[in-house]
Amino acid sequence: SFSGGTVWDLAEMRRIRDVAQARGLVAHIDGARLLNAVAATGIPAAD
């Protein structure tokens, strides 16, 4: 948001998710503009 509307790479998101969960943390998505990312990439929100 405040750093420019950059779209996260899906593979990196999943790597972060997996590292966190493997170490006992939970993984959360602040999806305020998640649907803009969907529109930009064509990747479904569920993915």
All heavy atoms as atom14 arrays in JSON, in Angstrom:
{
  "sequence": "SFSGGTVWDLAEMRRIRDVAQARGLVAHIDGARLLNAVAATGIPAAD",
  "atom14_mask": [
    [1, 1, 1, 1, 1, 1, 0, 0, 0, 0, 0, 0, 0, 0],
    [1, 1, 1, 1, 1, 1, 1, 1, 1, 1, 1, 0, 0, 0],
    [1, 1, 1, 1, 1, 1, 0, 0, 0, 0, 0, 0, 0, 0],
    [1, 1, 1, 1, 0, 0, 0, 0, 0, 0, 0, 0, 0, 0],
    [1, 1, 1, 1, 0, 0, 0, 0, 0, 0, 0, 0, 0, 0],
    [1, 1, 1, 1, 1, 1, 1, 0, 0, 0, 0, 0, 0, 0],
    [1, 1, 1, 1, 1, 1, 1, 0, 0, 0, 0, 0, 0, 0],
    [1, 1, 1, 1, 1, 1, 1, 1, 1, 1, 1, 1, 1, 1],
    [1, 1, 1, 1, 1, 1, 1, 1, 0, 0, 0, 0, 0, 0],
    [1, 1, 1, 1, 1, 1, 1, 1, 0, 0, 0, 0, 0, 0],
    [1, 1, 1, 1, 1, 0, 0, 0, 0, 0, 0, 0, 0, 0],
    [1, 1, 1, 1, 1, 1, 1, 1, 1, 0, 0, 0, 0, 0],
    [1, 1, 1, 1, 1, 1, 1, 1, 0, 0, 0, 0, 0, 0],
    [1, 1, 1, 1, 1, 1, 1, 1, 1, 1, 1, 0, 0, 0],
    [1, 1, 1, 1, 1, 1, 1, 1, 1, 1, 1, 0, 0, 0],
    [1, 1, 1, 1, 1, 1, 1, 1, 0, 0, 0, 0, 0, 0],
    [1, 1, 1, 1, 1, 1, 1, 1, 1, 1, 1, 0, 0, 0],
    [1, 1, 1, 1, 1, 1, 1, 1, 0, 0, 0, 0, 0, 0],
    [1, 1, 1, 1, 1, 1, 1, 0, 0, 0, 0, 0, 0, 0],
    [1, 1, 1, 1, 1, 0, 0, 0, 0, 0, 0, 0, 0, 0],
    [1, 1, 1, 1, 1, 1, 1, 1, 1, 0, 0, 0, 0, 0],
    [1, 1, 1, 1, 1, 0, 0, 0, 0, 0, 0, 0, 0, 0],
    [1, 1, 1, 1, 1, 1, 1, 1, 1, 1, 1, 0, 0, 0],
    [1, 1, 1, 1, 0, 0, 0, 0, 0, 0, 0, 0, 0, 0],
    [1, 1, 1, 1, 1, 1, 1, 1, 0, 0, 0, 0, 0, 0],
    [1, 1, 1, 1, 1, 1, 1, 0, 0, 0, 0, 0, 0, 0],
    [1, 1, 1, 1, 1, 0, 0, 0, 0, 0, 0, 0, 0, 0],
    [1, 1, 1, 1, 1, 1, 1, 1, 1, 1, 0, 0, 0, 0],
    [1, 1, 1, 1, 1, 1, 1, 1, 0, 0, 0, 0, 0, 0],
    [1, 1, 1, 1, 1, 1, 1, 1, 0, 0, 0, 0, 0, 0],
    [1, 1, 1, 1, 0, 0, 0, 0, 0, 0, 0, 0, 0, 0],
    [1, 1, 1, 1, 1, 0, 0, 0, 0, 0, 0, 0, 0, 0],
    [1, 1, 1, 1, 1, 1, 1, 1, 1, 1, 1, 0, 0, 0],
    [1, 1, 1, 1, 1, 1, 1, 1, 0, 0, 0, 0, 0, 0],
    [1, 1, 1, 1, 1, 1, 1, 1, 0, 0, 0, 0, 0, 0],
    [1, 1, 1, 1, 1, 1, 1, 1, 0, 0, 0, 0, 0, 0],
    [1, 1, 1, 1, 1, 0, 0, 0, 0, 0, 0, 0, 0, 0],
    [1, 1, 1, 1, 1, 1, 1, 0, 0, 0, 0, 0, 0, 0],
    [1, 1, 1, 1, 1, 0, 0, 0, 0, 0, 0, 0, 0, 0],
    [1, 1, 1, 1, 1, 0, 0, 0, 0, 0, 0, 0, 0, 0],
    [1, 1, 1, 1, 1, 1, 1, 0, 0, 0, 0, 0, 0, 0],
    [1, 1, 1, 1, 0, 0, 0, 0, 0, 0, 0, 0, 0, 0],
    [1, 1, 1, 1, 1, 1, 1, 1, 0, 0, 0, 0, 0, 0],
    [1, 1, 1, 1, 1, 1, 1, 0, 0, 0, 0, 0, 0, 0],
    [1, 1, 1, 1, 1, 0, 0, 0, 0, 0, 0, 0, 0, 0],
    [1, 1, 1, 1, 1, 0, 0, 0, 0, 0, 0, 0, 0, 0],
    [1, 1, 1, 1, 1, 1, 1, 1, 0, 0, 0, 0, 0, 0]
  ],
  "atom14_positions": [
    [[0.81, -1.21, 0.0], [0.0, 0.0, 0.0], [0.85, 1.26, 0.0], [1.0, 1.92, -1.02], [-0.93, 0.01, 1.21], [-1.63, 1.21, 1.34], [0.0, 0.0, 0.0], [0.0, 0.0, 0.0], [0.0, 0.0, 0.0], [0.0, 0.0, 0.0], [0.0, 0.0, 0.0], [0.0, 0.0, 0.0], [0.0, 0.0, 0.0], [0.0, 0.0, 0.0]],
    [[1.43, 1.59, 1.14], [2.18, 2.84, 1.27], [3.51, 2.79, 0.53], [4.16, 3.81, 0.35], [2.4, 3.18, 2.74], [1.13, 3.5, 3.45], [0.7, 2.73, 4.52], [0.33, 4.56, 3.05], [-0.49, 3.02, 5.17], [-0.86, 4.85, 3.7], [-1.26, 4.09, 4.76], [0.0, 0.0, 0.0], [0.0, 0.0, 0.0], [0.0, 0.0, 0.0]],
    [[3.92, 1.6, 0.11], [5.2, 1.47, -0.59], [5.03, 1.27, -2.09], [5.99, 0.95, -2.77], [6.02, 0.33, 0.01], [5.22, -0.84, 0.15], [0.0, 0.0, 0.0], [0.0, 0.0, 0.0], [0.0, 0.0, 0.0], [0.0, 0.0, 0.0], [0.0, 0.0, 0.0], [0.0, 0.0, 0.0], [0.0, 0.0, 0.0], [0.0, 0.0, 0.0]],
    [[3.8, 1.43, -2.6], [3.7, 1.54, -4.04], [2.82, 0.6, -4.82], [2.87, 0.6, -6.05], [0.0, 0.0, 0.0], [0.0, 0.0, 0.0], [0.0, 0.0, 0.0], [0.0, 0.0, 0.0], [0.0, 0.0, 0.0], [0.0, 0.0, 0.0], [0.0, 0.0, 0.0], [0.0, 0.0, 0.0], [0.0, 0.0, 0.0], [0.0, 0.0, 0.0]],
    [[2.01, -0.23, -4.18], [1.11, -1.09, -4.94], [1.8, -2.25, -5.64], [1.29, -2.79, -6.62], [0.0, 0.0, 0.0], [0.0, 0.0, 0.0], [0.0, 0.0, 0.0], [0.0, 0.0, 0.0], [0.0, 0.0, 0.0], [0.0, 0.0, 0.0], [0.0, 0.0, 0.0], [0.0, 0.0, 0.0], [0.0, 0.0, 0.0], [0.0, 0.0, 0.0]],
    [[2.96, -2.65, -5.14], [3.68, -3.76, -5.73], [2.93, -5.07, -5.5], [2.36, -5.29, -4.43], [5.1, -3.87, -5.13], [5.76, -2.62, -5.32], [5.9, -4.98, -5.79], [0.0, 0.0, 0.0], [0.0, 0.0, 0.0], [0.0, 0.0, 0.0], [0.0, 0.0, 0.0], [0.0, 0.0, 0.0], [0.0, 0.0, 0.0], [0.0, 0.0, 0.0]],
    [[2.93, -5.93, -6.5], [2.24, -7.22, -6.42], [3.22, -8.3, -5.97], [4.27, -8.5, -6.6], [1.63, -7.6, -7.79], [0.97, -8.97, -7.72], [0.63, -6.54, -8.24], [0.0, 0.0, 0.0], [0.0, 0.0, 0.0], [0.0, 0.0, 0.0], [0.0, 0.0, 0.0], [0.0, 0.0, 0.0], [0.0, 0.0, 0.0], [0.0, 0.0, 0.0]],
    [[2.88, -8.96, -4.89], [3.71, -10.06, -4.4], [3.74, -11.22, -5.38], [2.71, -11.59, -5.97], [3.16, -10.58, -3.07], [3.6, -9.83, -1.86], [3.06, -8.69, -1.35], [4.66, -10.19, -0.97], [3.71, -8.31, -0.21], [4.69, -9.21, 0.05], [5.56, -11.25, -0.92], [5.61, -9.27, 1.11], [6.47, -11.31, 0.12], [6.49, -10.32, 1.11]],
    [[4.89, -11.84, -5.52], [5.02, -13.07, -6.3], [4.4, -14.22, -5.52], [4.67, -14.41, -4.33], [6.5, -13.34, -6.56], [6.73, -14.67, -7.25], [6.36, -14.78, -8.44], [7.25, -15.59, -6.59], [0.0, 0.0, 0.0], [0.0, 0.0, 0.0], [0.0, 0.0, 0.0], [0.0, 0.0, 0.0], [0.0, 0.0, 0.0], [0.0, 0.0, 0.0]],
    [[3.56, -15.0, -6.2], [2.85, -16.1, -5.53], [3.8, -17.12, -4.93], [3.61, -17.58, -3.8], [1.89, -16.77, -6.51], [1.13, -17.99, -5.99], [0.27, -17.64, -4.79], [0.26, -18.59, -7.1], [0.0, 0.0, 0.0], [0.0, 0.0, 0.0], [0.0, 0.0, 0.0], [0.0, 0.0, 0.0], [0.0, 0.0, 0.0], [0.0, 0.0, 0.0]],
    [[4.83, -17.47, -5.66], [5.77, -18.48, -5.16], [6.45, -18.01, -3.88], [6.65, -18.8, -2.94], [6.81, -18.8, -6.23], [0.0, 0.0, 0.0], [0.0, 0.0, 0.0], [0.0, 0.0, 0.0], [0.0, 0.0, 0.0], [0.0, 0.0, 0.0], [0.0, 0.0, 0.0], [0.0, 0.0, 0.0], [0.0, 0.0, 0.0], [0.0, 0.0, 0.0]],
    [[6.81, -16.73, -3.83], [7.46, -16.21, -2.62], [6.49, -16.16, -1.45], [6.86, -16.45, -0.3], [8.05, -14.82, -2.87], [8.95, -14.31, -1.76], [10.19, -15.18, -1.57], [10.68, -15.79, -2.55], [10.67, -15.27, -0.42], [0.0, 0.0, 0.0], [0.0, 0.0, 0.0], [0.0, 0.0, 0.0], [0.0, 0.0, 0.0], [0.0, 0.0, 0.0]],
    [[5.24, -15.8, -1.72], [4.23, -15.83, -0.66], [4.13, -17.22, -0.06], [4.05, -17.39, 1.17], [2.86, -15.41, -1.22], [2.74, -13.94, -1.55], [1.11, -13.5, -2.23], [0.03, -13.86, -0.84], [0.0, 0.0, 0.0], [0.0, 0.0, 0.0], [0.0, 0.0, 0.0], [0.0, 0.0, 0.0], [0.0, 0.0, 0.0], [0.0, 0.0, 0.0]],
    [[4.11, -18.22, -0.91], [3.98, -19.6, -0.42], [5.23, -20.05, 0.33], [5.13, -20.79, 1.31], [3.67, -20.53, -1.6], [2.27, -20.32, -2.14], [1.97, -21.2, -3.34], [0.55, -21.11, -3.69], [0.01, -21.73, -4.74], [0.78, -22.47, -5.55], [-1.28, -21.61, -4.98], [0.0, 0.0, 0.0], [0.0, 0.0, 0.0], [0.0, 0.0, 0.0]],
    [[6.4, -19.6, -0.1], [7.62, -19.93, 0.63], [7.57, -19.33, 2.03], [7.94, -19.97, 3.01], [8.84, -19.42, -0.13], [9.16, -20.17, -1.42], [10.42, -19.61, -2.07], [11.58, -19.85, -1.24], [12.53, -18.95, -0.97], [12.44, -17.72, -1.46], [13.56, -19.26, -0.21], [0.0, 0.0, 0.0], [0.0, 0.0, 0.0], [0.0, 0.0, 0.0]],
    [[7.13, -18.09, 2.12], [7.01, -17.43, 3.43], [5.99, -18.17, 4.29], [6.23, -18.42, 5.47], [6.61, -15.96, 3.24], [7.78, -15.19, 2.62], [6.17, -15.34, 4.56], [7.41, -13.8, 2.14], [0.0, 0.0, 0.0], [0.0, 0.0, 0.0], [0.0, 0.0, 0.0], [0.0, 0.0, 0.0], [0.0, 0.0, 0.0], [0.0, 0.0, 0.0]],
    [[4.85, -18.51, 3.7], [3.83, -19.28, 4.42], [4.41, -20.58, 4.98], [4.21, -20.92, 6.16], [2.68, -19.59, 3.45], [1.57, -20.48, 4.0], [0.81, -21.13, 2.85], [1.65, -22.06, 2.11], [1.34, -22.6, 0.92], [0.2, -22.27, 0.34], [2.16, -23.45, 0.34], [0.0, 0.0, 0.0], [0.0, 0.0, 0.0], [0.0, 0.0, 0.0]],
    [[5.14, -21.29, 4.15], [5.66, -22.6, 4.56], [6.73, -22.48, 5.64], [6.76, -23.28, 6.59], [6.21, -23.34, 3.34], [5.13, -23.74, 2.35], [3.93, -23.68, 2.73], [5.47, -24.08, 1.21], [0.0, 0.0, 0.0], [0.0, 0.0, 0.0], [0.0, 0.0, 0.0], [0.0, 0.0, 0.0], [0.0, 0.0, 0.0], [0.0, 0.0, 0.0]],
    [[7.62, -21.48, 5.49], [8.64, -21.26, 6.51], [7.98, -20.92, 7.84], [8.35, -21.46, 8.9], [9.61, -20.13, 6.08], [10.44, -19.64, 7.26], [10.52, -20.61, 4.96], [0.0, 0.0, 0.0], [0.0, 0.0, 0.0], [0.0, 0.0, 0.0], [0.0, 0.0, 0.0], [0.0, 0.0, 0.0], [0.0, 0.0, 0.0], [0.0, 0.0, 0.0]],
    [[6.99, -20.03, 7.8], [6.32, -19.63, 9.03], [5.62, -20.81, 9.7], [5.8, -21.06, 10.9], [5.31, -18.52, 8.72], [0.0, 0.0, 0.0], [0.0, 0.0, 0.0], [0.0, 0.0, 0.0], [0.0, 0.0, 0.0], [0.0, 0.0, 0.0], [0.0, 0.0, 0.0], [0.0, 0.0, 0.0], [0.0, 0.0, 0.0], [0.0, 0.0, 0.0]],
    [[4.83, -21.53, 8.93], [4.06, -22.62, 9.53], [4.95, -23.76, 10.01], [4.65, -24.41, 11.03], [3.02, -23.11, 8.52], [1.93, -22.05, 8.27], [0.96, -22.45, 7.18], [1.23, -23.36, 6.39], [-0.16, -21.76, 7.1], [0.0, 0.0, 0.0], [0.0, 0.0, 0.0], [0.0, 0.0, 0.0], [0.0, 0.0, 0.0], [0.0, 0.0, 0.0]],
    [[6.07, -23.99, 9.32], [6.99, -25.04, 9.76], [7.64, -24.69, 11.09], [8.04, -25.59, 11.85], [8.07, -25.26, 8.7], [0.0, 0.0, 0.0], [0.0, 0.0, 0.0], [0.0, 0.0, 0.0], [0.0, 0.0, 0.0], [0.0, 0.0, 0.0], [0.0, 0.0, 0.0], [0.0, 0.0, 0.0], [0.0, 0.0, 0.0], [0.0, 0.0, 0.0]],
    [[7.71, -23.39, 11.4], [8.3, -22.95, 12.66], [7.24, -22.65, 13.72], [7.55, -22.06, 14.76], [9.16, -21.7, 12.41], [10.34, -21.93, 11.44], [11.53, -22.57, 12.12], [12.09, -21.69, 13.12], [12.98, -20.72, 12.85], [13.4, -20.52, 11.61], [13.47, -19.98, 13.84], [0.0, 0.0, 0.0], [0.0, 0.0, 0.0], [0.0, 0.0, 0.0]],
    [[5.99, -23.01, 13.45], [4.94, -22.85, 14.44], [4.22, -21.53, 14.41], [3.4, -21.25, 15.3], [0.0, 0.0, 0.0], [0.0, 0.0, 0.0], [0.0, 0.0, 0.0], [0.0, 0.0, 0.0], [0.0, 0.0, 0.0], [0.0, 0.0, 0.0], [0.0, 0.0, 0.0], [0.0, 0.0, 0.0], [0.0, 0.0, 0.0], [0.0, 0.0, 0.0]],
    [[4.45, -20.69, 13.4], [3.74, -19.43, 13.26], [2.52, -19.61, 12.37], [2.42, -20.59, 11.62], [4.64, -18.35, 12.64], [5.71, -17.7, 13.52], [6.86, -18.67, 13.81], [6.25, -16.44, 12.84], [0.0, 0.0, 0.0], [0.0, 0.0, 0.0], [0.0, 0.0, 0.0], [0.0, 0.0, 0.0], [0.0, 0.0, 0.0], [0.0, 0.0, 0.0]],
    [[1.6, -18.67, 12.42], [0.5, -18.64, 11.48], [0.81, -17.62, 10.4], [1.59, -16.68, 10.61], [-0.86, -18.31, 12.15], [-1.22, -19.37, 13.17], [-0.81, -16.94, 12.81], [0.0, 0.0, 0.0], [0.0, 0.0, 0.0], [0.0, 0.0, 0.0], [0.0, 0.0, 0.0], [0.0, 0.0, 0.0], [0.0, 0.0, 0.0], [0.0, 0.0, 0.0]],
    [[0.19, -17.79, 9.23], [0.41, -16.9, 8.09], [-0.89, -16.21, 7.72], [-1.92, -16.86, 7.52], [0.95, -17.71, 6.91], [0.0, 0.0, 0.0], [0.0, 0.0, 0.0], [0.0, 0.0, 0.0], [0.0, 0.0, 0.0], [0.0, 0.0, 0.0], [0.0, 0.0, 0.0], [0.0, 0.0, 0.0], [0.0, 0.0, 0.0], [0.0, 0.0, 0.0]],
    [[-0.83, -14.9, 7.61], [-2.0, -14.05, 7.41], [-1.81, -13.19, 6.17], [-0.69, -12.73, 5.9], [-2.19, -13.17, 8.65], [-3.22, -12.09, 8.52], [-4.57, -12.35, 8.48], [-3.09, -10.72, 8.43], [-5.24, -11.2, 8.39], [-4.36, -10.2, 8.34], [0.0, 0.0, 0.0], [0.0, 0.0, 0.0], [0.0, 0.0, 0.0], [0.0, 0.0, 0.0]],
    [[-2.88, -12.96, 5.42], [-2.85, -12.05, 4.28], [-3.72, -10.84, 4.56], [-4.93, -10.97, 4.78], [-3.33, -12.74, 2.98], [-2.43, -13.9, 2.6], [-3.38, -11.72, 1.83], [-2.92, -14.67, 1.37], [0.0, 0.0, 0.0], [0.0, 0.0, 0.0], [0.0, 0.0, 0.0], [0.0, 0.0, 0.0], [0.0, 0.0, 0.0], [0.0, 0.0, 0.0]],
    [[-3.1, -9.66, 4.57], [-3.83, -8.4, 4.55], [-4.18, -8.17, 3.08], [-3.35, -7.77, 2.28], [-2.94, -7.29, 5.09], [-3.57, -5.9, 4.98], [-4.44, -5.7, 4.11], [-3.15, -5.0, 5.73], [0.0, 0.0, 0.0], [0.0, 0.0, 0.0], [0.0, 0.0, 0.0], [0.0, 0.0, 0.0], [0.0, 0.0, 0.0], [0.0, 0.0, 0.0]],
    [[-5.45, -8.44, 2.74], [-5.86, -8.42, 1.35], [-6.62, -7.18, 0.94], [-7.52, -7.26, 0.11], [0.0, 0.0, 0.0], [0.0, 0.0, 0.0], [0.0, 0.0, 0.0], [0.0, 0.0, 0.0], [0.0, 0.0, 0.0], [0.0, 0.0, 0.0], [0.0, 0.0, 0.0], [0.0, 0.0, 0.0], [0.0, 0.0, 0.0], [0.0, 0.0, 0.0]],
    [[-6.23, -6.03, 1.5], [-6.95, -4.79, 1.19], [-7.08, -4.58, -0.31], [-8.12, -4.13, -0.79], [-6.24, -3.6, 1.83], [0.0, 0.0, 0.0], [0.0, 0.0, 0.0], [0.0, 0.0, 0.0], [0.0, 0.0, 0.0], [0.0, 0.0, 0.0], [0.0, 0.0, 0.0], [0.0, 0.0, 0.0], [0.0, 0.0, 0.0], [0.0, 0.0, 0.0]],
    [[-6.02, -4.9, -1.06], [-6.07, -4.77, -2.52], [-5.69, -6.09, -3.2], [-5.13, -6.09, -4.3], [-5.17, -3.62, -2.97], [-5.65, -2.27, -2.46], [-4.73, -1.12, -2.87], [-5.24, 0.17, -2.41], [-5.0, 0.67, -1.18], [-4.25, -0.01, -0.32], [-5.51, 1.84, -0.83], [0.0, 0.0, 0.0], [0.0, 0.0, 0.0], [0.0, 0.0, 0.0]],
    [[-6.03, -7.18, -2.55], [-5.76, -8.5, -3.12], [-6.41, -8.65, -4.49], [-5.83, -9.23, -5.42], [-6.28, -9.58, -2.16], [-6.23, -11.03, -2.67], [-4.8, -11.46, -2.95], [-6.89, -11.96, -1.66], [0.0, 0.0, 0.0], [0.0, 0.0, 0.0], [0.0, 0.0, 0.0], [0.0, 0.0, 0.0], [0.0, 0.0, 0.0], [0.0, 0.0, 0.0]],
    [[-7.61, -8.11, -4.65], [-8.31, -8.29, -5.92], [-7.68, -7.46, -7.04], [-7.84, -7.8, -8.21], [-9.79, -7.96, -5.75], [-10.52, -8.87, -4.75], [-12.0, -8.51, -4.66], [-10.36, -10.35, -5.12], [0.0, 0.0, 0.0], [0.0, 0.0, 0.0], [0.0, 0.0, 0.0], [0.0, 0.0, 0.0], [0.0, 0.0, 0.0], [0.0, 0.0, 0.0]],
    [[-6.97, -6.39, -6.7], [-6.19, -5.69, -7.72], [-5.02, -6.54, -8.19], [-4.64, -6.5, -9.36], [-5.68, -4.35, -7.19], [-6.78, -3.3, -7.1], [-7.37, -3.11, -6.05], [-7.05, -2.63, -8.21], [0.0, 0.0, 0.0], [0.0, 0.0, 0.0], [0.0, 0.0, 0.0], [0.0, 0.0, 0.0], [0.0, 0.0, 0.0], [0.0, 0.0, 0.0]],
    [[-4.45, -7.32, -7.26], [-3.4, -8.25, -7.65], [-3.96, -9.34, -8.56], [-3.31, -9.74, -9.55], [-2.77, -8.88, -6.41], [0.0, 0.0, 0.0], [0.0, 0.0, 0.0], [0.0, 0.0, 0.0], [0.0, 0.0, 0.0], [0.0, 0.0, 0.0], [0.0, 0.0, 0.0], [0.0, 0.0, 0.0], [0.0, 0.0, 0.0], [0.0, 0.0, 0.0]],
    [[-5.15, -9.83, -8.25], [-5.81, -10.81, -9.1], [-6.01, -10.25, -10.5], [-5.72, -10.92, -11.51], [-7.15, -11.25, -8.48], [-7.95, -12.12, -9.45], [-6.92, -11.99, -7.17], [0.0, 0.0, 0.0], [0.0, 0.0, 0.0], [0.0, 0.0, 0.0], [0.0, 0.0, 0.0], [0.0, 0.0, 0.0], [0.0, 0.0, 0.0], [0.0, 0.0, 0.0]],
    [[-6.48, -9.01, -10.58], [-6.7, -8.38, -11.89], [-5.39, -8.18, -12.64], [-5.36, -8.28, -13.88], [-7.4, -7.04, -11.69], [0.0, 0.0, 0.0], [0.0, 0.0, 0.0], [0.0, 0.0, 0.0], [0.0, 0.0, 0.0], [0.0, 0.0, 0.0], [0.0, 0.0, 0.0], [0.0, 0.0, 0.0], [0.0, 0.0, 0.0], [0.0, 0.0, 0.0]],
    [[-4.31, -7.93, -11.92], [-3.02, -7.68, -12.56], [-2.37, -8.95, -13.08], [-1.67, -8.93, -14.1], [-2.08, -6.97, -11.59], [0.0, 0.0, 0.0], [0.0, 0.0, 0.0], [0.0, 0.0, 0.0], [0.0, 0.0, 0.0], [0.0, 0.0, 0.0], [0.0, 0.0, 0.0], [0.0, 0.0, 0.0], [0.0, 0.0, 0.0], [0.0, 0.0, 0.0]],
    [[-2.58, -10.06, -12.38], [-1.85, -11.29, -12.71], [-2.71, -12.38, -13.34], [-2.18, -13.29, -13.98], [-1.21, -11.88, -11.44], [-2.25, -12.25, -10.52], [-0.29, -10.87, -10.77], [0.0, 0.0, 0.0], [0.0, 0.0, 0.0], [0.0, 0.0, 0.0], [0.0, 0.0, 0.0], [0.0, 0.0, 0.0], [0.0, 0.0, 0.0], [0.0, 0.0, 0.0]],
    [[-4.02, -12.31, -13.12], [-4.89, -13.4, -13.57], [-4.88, -14.6, -12.64], [-5.54, -15.6, -12.9], [0.0, 0.0, 0.0], [0.0, 0.0, 0.0], [0.0, 0.0, 0.0], [0.0, 0.0, 0.0], [0.0, 0.0, 0.0], [0.0, 0.0, 0.0], [0.0, 0.0, 0.0], [0.0, 0.0, 0.0], [0.0, 0.0, 0.0], [0.0, 0.0, 0.0]],
    [[-4.14, -14.51, -11.54], [-4.09, -15.61, -10.56], [-5.32, -15.51, -9.66], [-5.57, -14.46, -9.07], [-2.81, -15.52, -9.72], [-1.58, -15.71, -10.61], [-2.82, -16.56, -8.61], [-0.26, -15.44, -9.9], [0.0, 0.0, 0.0], [0.0, 0.0, 0.0], [0.0, 0.0, 0.0], [0.0, 0.0, 0.0], [0.0, 0.0, 0.0], [0.0, 0.0, 0.0]],
    [[-6.11, -16.56, -9.54], [-7.31, -16.49, -8.7], [-6.99, -16.18, -7.25], [-5.93, -16.56, -6.74], [-7.92, -17.9, -8.85], [-7.37, -18.42, -10.14], [-5.99, -17.86, -10.24], [0.0, 0.0, 0.0], [0.0, 0.0, 0.0], [0.0, 0.0, 0.0], [0.0, 0.0, 0.0], [0.0, 0.0, 0.0], [0.0, 0.0, 0.0], [0.0, 0.0, 0.0]],
    [[-7.92, -15.51, -6.58], [-7.74, -15.17, -5.17], [-7.52, -16.41, -4.32], [-6.74, -16.4, -3.37], [-8.95, -14.38, -4.67], [0.0, 0.0, 0.0], [0.0, 0.0, 0.0], [0.0, 0.0, 0.0], [0.0, 0.0, 0.0], [0.0, 0.0, 0.0], [0.0, 0.0, 0.0], [0.0, 0.0, 0.0], [0.0, 0.0, 0.0], [0.0, 0.0, 0.0]],
    [[-8.19, -17.5, -4.67], [-8.05, -18.74, -3.91], [-6.63, -19.29, -3.98], [-6.15, -19.91, -3.03], [-9.05, -19.79, -4.4], [0.0, 0.0, 0.0], [0.0, 0.0, 0.0], [0.0, 0.0, 0.0], [0.0, 0.0, 0.0], [0.0, 0.0, 0.0], [0.0, 0.0, 0.0], [0.0, 0.0, 0.0], [0.0, 0.0, 0.0], [0.0, 0.0, 0.0]],
    [[-5.95, -19.08, -5.11], [-4.57, -19.53, -5.22], [-3.66, -18.71, -4.31], [-2.73, -19.24, -3.69], [-4.09, -19.42, -6.66], [-4.68, -20.5, -7.56], [-5.37, -21.4, -7.03], [-4.46, -20.45, -8.78], [0.0, 0.0, 0.0], [0.0, 0.0, 0.0], [0.0, 0.0, 0.0], [0.0, 0.0, 0.0], [0.0, 0.0, 0.0], [0.0, 0.0, 0.0]]
  ]
}
